[in-house]
Amino acid sequence: KSWLVPVQLLCGLTMIAGGTAVNRMLGDGSEPPAVAELTMCFFMLHLLMATQDIAVDGWALTMLARRNVGWASTCNSIGQTLGYVVSFIIFMALNSADFCNTYLRASLGYAAAEQGMVTLGGFTAMWGCVFLVTTMLVWGFKSEKRAGETTMSQESTELEDEVNLDVRGAYSAMLQVVRLQPVRRLALVLLTSRVAFAAADSVTGLKLQ
């Protein structure tokens, strides 16, 4: 919880700030896109969400009962699928002026417009507010078990020390893992595995258009 709350608060604030300036950063035709600002914004979001993902997985191990730990990955998969549907399919539909004019505005009796019912900036800022509200609810209503009250069995002193790592200790442990030869090989494979399919993936989208 000490990781989850500040990370999600920062993520919500970043999304709200990015939502108010996303149209300017993408460029409106008269000015070029602000590539440096977009890169920094998305780098911060990816860094924060990667940290949040690790914090949620770690908290689930100590928060859930031993017989329910397996449901954590199930809830994670369902949440990611729903998030993909909402942020990609539904947003693209509501952001399209043609879709909104044909299927939504016409059926609701509204006049046609040149833009969709949802903008990218508004959509991003809205989910930033959702992040802030849910984070405050978790902060206020969900208590965190102390180190001695964890539901997982602490059979060794090493496990207790690992649970009580501070920020510096956590990053130090992460660097030790990254230096392992198998981890380096796995990282190399993951970073280069898509190179052979990059051309096919790009050309397929263009052909379908």
C-alpha atoms as a PDB file:
ATOM      1  CA  LYS A   1       0.000   0.000   0.000  1.00  0.00           C
ATOM      2  CA  SER A   2       2.896   2.377   0.701  1.00  0.00           C
ATOM      3  CA  TRP A   3       3.927   1.915  -2.949  1.00  0.00           C
ATOM      4  CA  LEU A   4       0.464   1.695  -4.501  1.00  0.00           C
ATOM      5  CA  VAL A   5      -1.068   4.904  -3.142  1.00  0.00           C
ATOM      6  CA  PRO A   6       1.650   7.430  -4.138  1.00  0.00           C
ATOM      7  CA  VAL A   7       2.232   5.759  -7.510  1.00  0.00           C
ATOM      8  CA  GLN A   8      -1.452   5.840  -8.433  1.00  0.00           C
ATOM      9  CA  LEU A   9      -1.827   9.414  -7.213  1.00  0.00           C
ATOM     10  CA  LEU A  10       1.088  10.470  -9.413  1.00  0.00           C
ATOM     11  CA  CYS A  11      -0.356   8.508 -12.323  1.00  0.00           C
ATOM     12  CA  GLY A  12      -3.765  10.171 -11.934  1.00  0.00           C
ATOM     13  CA  LEU A  13      -2.223  13.632 -11.780  1.00  0.00           C
ATOM     14  CA  THR A  14      -0.066  12.862 -14.825  1.00  0.00           C
ATOM     15  CA  MET A  15      -3.115  11.730 -16.804  1.00  0.00           C
ATOM     16  CA  ILE A  16      -5.091  14.831 -15.836  1.00  0.00           C
ATOM     17  CA  ALA A  17      -2.200  17.134 -16.744  1.00  0.00           C
ATOM     18  CA  GLY A  18      -1.584  15.218 -19.975  1.00  0.00           C
ATOM     19  CA  GLY A  19      -5.267  15.277 -20.874  1.00  0.00           C
ATOM     20  CA  THR A  20      -5.409  19.061 -20.712  1.00  0.00           C
ATOM     21  CA  ALA A  21      -2.359  19.414 -22.982  1.00  0.00           C
ATOM     22  CA  VAL A  22      -2.611  16.350 -25.235  1.00  0.00           C
ATOM     23  CA  ASN A  23      -4.087  18.237 -28.205  1.00  0.00           C
ATOM     24  CA  ARG A  24      -1.263  20.769 -28.083  1.00  0.00           C
ATOM     25  CA  MET A  25       1.368  18.055 -27.745  1.00  0.00           C
ATOM     26  CA  LEU A  26      -0.036  16.096 -30.693  1.00  0.00           C
ATOM     27  CA  GLY A  27      -0.058  19.222 -32.881  1.00  0.00           C
ATOM     28  CA  ASP A  28      -3.071  20.967 -34.336  1.00  0.00           C
ATOM     29  CA  GLY A  29      -1.810  21.341 -37.909  1.00  0.00           C
ATOM     30  CA  SER A  30      -0.250  24.759 -37.469  1.00  0.00           C
ATOM     31  CA  GLU A  31       2.400  23.517 -35.025  1.00  0.00           C
ATOM     32  CA  PRO A  32       4.439  20.290 -35.127  1.00  0.00           C
ATOM     33  CA  PRO A  33       3.921  17.629 -32.440  1.00  0.00           C
ATOM     34  CA  ALA A  34       5.876  18.080 -29.222  1.00  0.00           C
ATOM     35  CA  VAL A  35       7.738  14.796 -29.473  1.00  0.00           C
ATOM     36  CA  ALA A  36       9.913  15.408 -26.410  1.00  0.00           C
ATOM     37  CA  GLU A  37       6.930  16.210 -24.189  1.00  0.00           C
ATOM     38  CA  LEU A  38       4.966  13.205 -25.477  1.00  0.00           C
ATOM     39  CA  THR A  39       7.942  10.938 -24.874  1.00  0.00           C
ATOM     40  CA  MET A  40       8.401  12.198 -21.315  1.00  0.00           C
ATOM     41  CA  CYS A  41       4.685  11.949 -20.550  1.00  0.00           C
ATOM     42  CA  PHE A  42       4.353   8.360 -21.783  1.00  0.00           C
ATOM     43  CA  PHE A  43       7.656   7.395 -20.159  1.00  0.00           C
ATOM     44  CA  MET A  44       6.341   8.597 -16.808  1.00  0.00           C
ATOM     45  CA  LEU A  45       3.024   6.776 -17.298  1.00  0.00           C
ATOM     46  CA  HIS A  46       4.707   3.509 -18.252  1.00  0.00           C
ATOM     47  CA  LEU A  47       7.173   3.777 -15.367  1.00  0.00           C
ATOM     48  CA  LEU A  48       4.412   4.484 -12.850  1.00  0.00           C
ATOM     49  CA  MET A  49       2.100   1.769 -14.157  1.00  0.00           C
ATOM     50  CA  ALA A  50       4.894  -0.811 -14.216  1.00  0.00           C
ATOM     51  CA  THR A  51       5.639   0.009 -10.580  1.00  0.00           C
ATOM     52  CA  GLN A  52       1.933  -0.119  -9.746  1.00  0.00           C
ATOM     53  CA  ASP A  53       1.570  -3.513 -11.404  1.00  0.00           C
ATOM     54  CA  ILE A  54       4.399  -4.953  -9.316  1.00  0.00           C
ATOM     55  CA  ALA A  55       3.005  -3.376  -6.136  1.00  0.00           C
ATOM     56  CA  VAL A  56      -0.473  -4.817  -6.769  1.00  0.00           C
ATOM     57  CA  ASP A  57       0.931  -8.308  -7.406  1.00  0.00           C
ATOM     58  CA  GLY A  58       3.034  -8.141  -4.250  1.00  0.00           C
ATOM     59  CA  TRP A  59       0.176  -6.813  -2.127  1.00  0.00           C
ATOM     60  CA  ALA A  60      -2.160  -9.508  -3.413  1.00  0.00           C
ATOM     61  CA  LEU A  61       0.195 -12.206  -2.095  1.00  0.00           C
ATOM     62  CA  THR A  62      -0.053 -10.879   1.458  1.00  0.00           C
ATOM     63  CA  MET A  63      -3.615  -9.526   1.343  1.00  0.00           C
ATOM     64  CA  LEU A  64      -5.407 -12.602  -0.029  1.00  0.00           C
ATOM     65  CA  ALA A  65      -5.831 -15.833   1.832  1.00  0.00           C
ATOM     66  CA  ARG A  66      -3.602 -18.644   0.663  1.00  0.00           C
ATOM     67  CA  ARG A  67      -6.487 -20.476  -1.044  1.00  0.00           C
ATOM     68  CA  ASN A  68      -7.473 -17.321  -2.973  1.00  0.00           C
ATOM     69  CA  VAL A  69      -4.034 -16.223  -4.231  1.00  0.00           C
ATOM     70  CA  GLY A  70      -4.694 -17.922  -7.576  1.00  0.00           C
ATOM     71  CA  TRP A  71      -7.595 -15.544  -8.224  1.00  0.00           C
ATOM     72  CA  ALA A  72      -5.216 -12.564  -8.355  1.00  0.00           C
ATOM     73  CA  SER A  73      -3.954 -13.424 -11.847  1.00  0.00           C
ATOM     74  CA  THR A  74      -7.535 -14.139 -12.994  1.00  0.00           C
ATOM     75  CA  CYS A  75      -8.730 -10.713 -11.834  1.00  0.00           C
ATOM     76  CA  ASN A  76      -5.657  -9.138 -13.435  1.00  0.00           C
ATOM     77  CA  SER A  77      -6.366 -10.766 -16.806  1.00  0.00           C
ATOM     78  CA  ILE A  78     -10.050  -9.811 -16.729  1.00  0.00           C
ATOM     79  CA  GLY A  79      -9.194  -6.226 -15.775  1.00  0.00           C
ATOM     80  CA  GLN A  80      -6.656  -5.893 -18.579  1.00  0.00           C
ATOM     81  CA  THR A  81      -9.156  -7.241 -21.121  1.00  0.00           C
ATOM     82  CA  LEU A  82     -11.888  -4.859 -19.964  1.00  0.00           C
ATOM     83  CA  GLY A  83      -9.421  -1.974 -19.986  1.00  0.00           C
ATOM     84  CA  TYR A  84      -8.396  -2.792 -23.552  1.00  0.00           C
ATOM     85  CA  VAL A  85     -12.034  -2.866 -24.686  1.00  0.00           C
ATOM     86  CA  VAL A  86     -12.911   0.417 -22.973  1.00  0.00           C
ATOM     87  CA  SER A  87      -9.769   2.349 -23.909  1.00  0.00           C
ATOM     88  CA  PHE A  88      -9.498   1.107 -27.495  1.00  0.00           C
ATOM     89  CA  ILE A  89     -12.740  -0.168 -29.013  1.00  0.00           C
ATOM     90  CA  ILE A  90     -15.264   1.927 -27.095  1.00  0.00           C
ATOM     91  CA  PHE A  91     -13.108   5.050 -27.136  1.00  0.00           C
ATOM     92  CA  MET A  92     -12.422   4.800 -30.867  1.00  0.00           C
ATOM     93  CA  ALA A  93     -16.153   4.469 -31.496  1.00  0.00           C
ATOM     94  CA  LEU A  94     -17.115   7.419 -29.292  1.00  0.00           C
ATOM     95  CA  ASN A  95     -14.255   9.500 -30.711  1.00  0.00           C
ATOM     96  CA  SER A  96     -15.410   8.922 -34.312  1.00  0.00           C
ATOM     97  CA  ALA A  97     -17.712  11.622 -35.640  1.00  0.00           C
ATOM     98  CA  ASP A  98     -19.201   9.272 -38.260  1.00  0.00           C
ATOM     99  CA  PHE A  99     -20.074   6.589 -35.709  1.00  0.00           C
ATOM    100  CA  CYS A 100     -21.575   9.074 -33.252  1.00  0.00           C
ATOM    101  CA  ASN A 101     -23.602  10.873 -35.932  1.00  0.00           C
ATOM    102  CA  THR A 102     -24.924   7.656 -37.471  1.00  0.00           C
ATOM    103  CA  TYR A 103     -25.656   5.503 -34.435  1.00  0.00           C
ATOM    104  CA  LEU A 104     -25.828   7.745 -31.374  1.00  0.00           C
ATOM    105  CA  ARG A 105     -26.758  11.326 -32.188  1.00  0.00           C
ATOM    106  CA  ALA A 106     -29.345  10.318 -34.783  1.00  0.00           C
ATOM    107  CA  SER A 107     -31.079   7.857 -32.443  1.00  0.00           C
ATOM    108  CA  LEU A 108     -31.006  10.323 -29.539  1.00  0.00           C
ATOM    109  CA  GLY A 109     -32.304  13.223 -31.628  1.00  0.00           C
ATOM    110  CA  TYR A 110     -29.147  15.330 -31.527  1.00  0.00           C
ATOM    111  CA  ALA A 111     -27.796  17.260 -34.501  1.00  0.00           C
ATOM    112  CA  ALA A 112     -24.747  15.965 -36.342  1.00  0.00           C
ATOM    113  CA  ALA A 113     -21.372  17.383 -35.356  1.00  0.00           C
ATOM    114  CA  GLU A 114     -17.880  17.423 -36.825  1.00  0.00           C
ATOM    115  CA  GLN A 115     -16.285  15.598 -33.906  1.00  0.00           C
ATOM    116  CA  GLY A 116     -17.069  12.618 -31.727  1.00  0.00           C
ATOM    117  CA  MET A 117     -18.803  12.661 -28.391  1.00  0.00           C
ATOM    118  CA  VAL A 118     -15.567  11.936 -26.499  1.00  0.00           C
ATOM    119  CA  THR A 119     -12.216  13.629 -27.058  1.00  0.00           C
ATOM    120  CA  LEU A 120      -8.801  12.179 -26.269  1.00  0.00           C
ATOM    121  CA  GLY A 121      -8.048  14.885 -23.724  1.00  0.00           C
ATOM    122  CA  GLY A 122     -11.369  14.488 -21.949  1.00  0.00           C
ATOM    123  CA  PHE A 123     -11.080  10.703 -21.925  1.00  0.00           C
ATOM    124  CA  THR A 124      -7.578  10.823 -20.455  1.00  0.00           C
ATOM    125  CA  ALA A 125      -8.491  13.403 -17.813  1.00  0.00           C
ATOM    126  CA  MET A 126     -11.624  11.447 -16.828  1.00  0.00           C
ATOM    127  CA  TRP A 127      -9.641   8.266 -16.151  1.00  0.00           C
ATOM    128  CA  GLY A 128      -7.074  10.334 -14.266  1.00  0.00           C
ATOM    129  CA  CYS A 129      -9.894  11.454 -11.947  1.00  0.00           C
ATOM    130  CA  VAL A 130     -11.008   7.822 -11.604  1.00  0.00           C
ATOM    131  CA  PHE A 131      -7.459   6.945 -10.573  1.00  0.00           C
ATOM    132  CA  LEU A 132      -7.494   9.628  -7.883  1.00  0.00           C
ATOM    133  CA  VAL A 133     -10.907   8.633  -6.502  1.00  0.00           C
ATOM    134  CA  THR A 134     -10.177   4.899  -6.369  1.00  0.00           C
ATOM    135  CA  THR A 135      -6.771   5.544  -4.813  1.00  0.00           C
ATOM    136  CA  MET A 136      -8.283   7.693  -2.075  1.00  0.00           C
ATOM    137  CA  LEU A 137     -10.880   4.985  -1.386  1.00  0.00           C
ATOM    138  CA  VAL A 138      -8.165   2.339  -1.094  1.00  0.00           C
ATOM    139  CA  TRP A 139      -6.120   4.647   1.123  1.00  0.00           C
ATOM    140  CA  GLY A 140      -9.030   5.398   3.429  1.00  0.00           C
ATOM    141  CA  PHE A 141     -10.911   2.104   3.654  1.00  0.00           C
ATOM    142  CA  LYS A 142      -8.373  -0.674   3.044  1.00  0.00           C
ATOM    143  CA  SER A 143      -5.964  -1.326   5.881  1.00  0.00           C
ATOM    144  CA  GLU A 144      -2.619  -2.977   5.259  1.00  0.00           C
ATOM    145  CA  LYS A 145      -1.494  -5.924   7.323  1.00  0.00           C
ATOM    146  CA  ARG A 146       1.650  -5.333   9.312  1.00  0.00           C
ATOM    147  CA  ALA A 147       4.691  -7.475   8.775  1.00  0.00           C
ATOM    148  CA  GLY A 148       3.805  -9.777  11.670  1.00  0.00           C
ATOM    149  CA  GLU A 149       0.189 -10.196  10.546  1.00  0.00           C
ATOM    150  CA  THR A 150       0.723 -11.354   6.986  1.00  0.00           C
ATOM    151  CA  THR A 151      -1.379 -14.323   5.873  1.00  0.00           C
ATOM    152  CA  MET A 152       1.544 -15.960   4.055  1.00  0.00           C
ATOM    153  CA  SER A 153       3.708 -18.289   6.137  1.00  0.00           C
ATOM    154  CA  GLN A 154       7.049 -16.734   7.064  1.00  0.00           C
ATOM    155  CA  GLU A 155       9.212 -19.785   7.365  1.00  0.00           C
ATOM    156  CA  SER A 156      12.588 -18.109   7.153  1.00  0.00           C
ATOM    157  CA  THR A 157      14.310 -14.900   8.190  1.00  0.00           C
ATOM    158  CA  GLU A 158      15.116 -14.170   4.525  1.00  0.00           C
ATOM    159  CA  LEU A 159      11.418 -13.964   3.667  1.00  0.00           C
ATOM    160  CA  GLU A 160      10.778 -11.574   6.553  1.00  0.00           C
ATOM    161  CA  ASP A 161      13.655  -9.348   5.429  1.00  0.00           C
ATOM    162  CA  GLU A 162      12.348  -9.416   1.851  1.00  0.00           C
ATOM    163  CA  VAL A 163       8.862  -8.351   2.959  1.00  0.00           C
ATOM    164  CA  ASN A 164      10.286  -5.430   4.969  1.00  0.00           C
ATOM    165  CA  LEU A 165      12.498  -4.019   2.196  1.00  0.00           C
ATOM    166  CA  ASP A 166      12.518  -0.246   1.880  1.00  0.00           C
ATOM    167  CA  VAL A 167      12.657   1.608  -1.448  1.00  0.00           C
ATOM    168  CA  ARG A 168      16.452   1.513  -1.646  1.00  0.00           C
ATOM    169  CA  GLY A 169      16.560  -2.171  -0.736  1.00  0.00           C
ATOM    170  CA  ALA A 170      13.890  -3.036  -3.295  1.00  0.00           C
ATOM    171  CA  TYR A 171      15.776  -1.373  -6.148  1.00  0.00           C
ATOM    172  CA  SER A 172      19.031  -2.937  -4.955  1.00  0.00           C
ATOM    173  CA  ALA A 173      17.422  -6.378  -5.069  1.00  0.00           C
ATOM    174  CA  MET A 174      16.028  -5.621  -8.519  1.00  0.00           C
ATOM    175  CA  LEU A 175      19.489  -4.691  -9.831  1.00  0.00           C
ATOM    176  CA  GLN A 176      20.911  -7.918  -8.457  1.00  0.00           C
ATOM    177  CA  VAL A 177      18.254  -9.863 -10.360  1.00  0.00           C
ATOM    178  CA  VAL A 178      18.886  -7.907 -13.558  1.00  0.00           C
ATOM    179  CA  ARG A 179      22.604  -8.751 -13.400  1.00  0.00           C
ATOM    180  CA  LEU A 180      21.874 -12.483 -13.542  1.00  0.00           C
ATOM    181  CA  GLN A 181      22.972 -14.053 -16.824  1.00  0.00           C
ATOM    182  CA  PRO A 182      19.652 -15.883 -17.505  1.00  0.00           C
ATOM    183  CA  VAL A 183      17.733 -12.652 -16.964  1.00  0.00           C
ATOM    184  CA  ARG A 184      20.004 -10.807 -19.405  1.00  0.00           C
ATOM    185  CA  ARG A 185      19.483 -13.515 -22.022  1.00  0.00           C
ATOM    186  CA  LEU A 186      15.723 -13.421 -21.534  1.00  0.00           C
ATOM    187  CA  ALA A 187      15.736  -9.614 -21.856  1.00  0.00           C
ATOM    188  CA  LEU A 188      17.728  -9.870 -25.092  1.00  0.00           C
ATOM    189  CA  VAL A 189      15.236 -12.357 -26.528  1.00  0.00           C
ATOM    190  CA  LEU A 190      12.225 -10.251 -25.524  1.00  0.00           C
ATOM    191  CA  LEU A 191      13.734  -7.042 -26.919  1.00  0.00           C
ATOM    192  CA  THR A 192      14.681  -8.556 -30.285  1.00  0.00           C
ATOM    193  CA  SER A 193      11.966 -11.187 -30.861  1.00  0.00           C
ATOM    194  CA  ARG A 194       9.666  -8.765 -32.708  1.00  0.00           C
ATOM    195  CA  VAL A 195      12.316  -7.534 -35.148  1.00  0.00           C
ATOM    196  CA  ALA A 196      11.684 -10.403 -37.563  1.00  0.00           C
ATOM    197  CA  PHE A 197       7.942  -9.643 -37.643  1.00  0.00           C
ATOM    198  CA  ALA A 198       8.085  -5.828 -37.613  1.00  0.00           C
ATOM    199  CA  ALA A 199       7.808  -5.473 -41.404  1.00  0.00           C
ATOM    200  CA  ALA A 200       4.941  -7.964 -41.675  1.00  0.00           C
ATOM    201  CA  ASP A 201       2.993  -6.292 -38.853  1.00  0.00           C
ATOM    202  CA  SER A 202       3.389  -2.834 -40.376  1.00  0.00           C
ATOM    203  CA  VAL A 203       2.576  -3.854 -43.958  1.00  0.00           C
ATOM    204  CA  THR A 204      -0.488  -5.881 -42.912  1.00  0.00           C
ATOM    205  CA  GLY A 205      -2.152  -2.812 -41.421  1.00  0.00           C
ATOM    206  CA  LEU A 206      -1.445  -0.769 -44.532  1.00  0.00           C
ATOM    207  CA  LYS A 207      -2.782  -3.518 -46.816  1.00  0.00           C
ATOM    208  CA  LEU A 208      -6.019  -3.757 -44.831  1.00  0.00           C
ATOM    209  CA  GLN A 209      -6.530  -0.006 -45.205  1.00  0.00           C
END
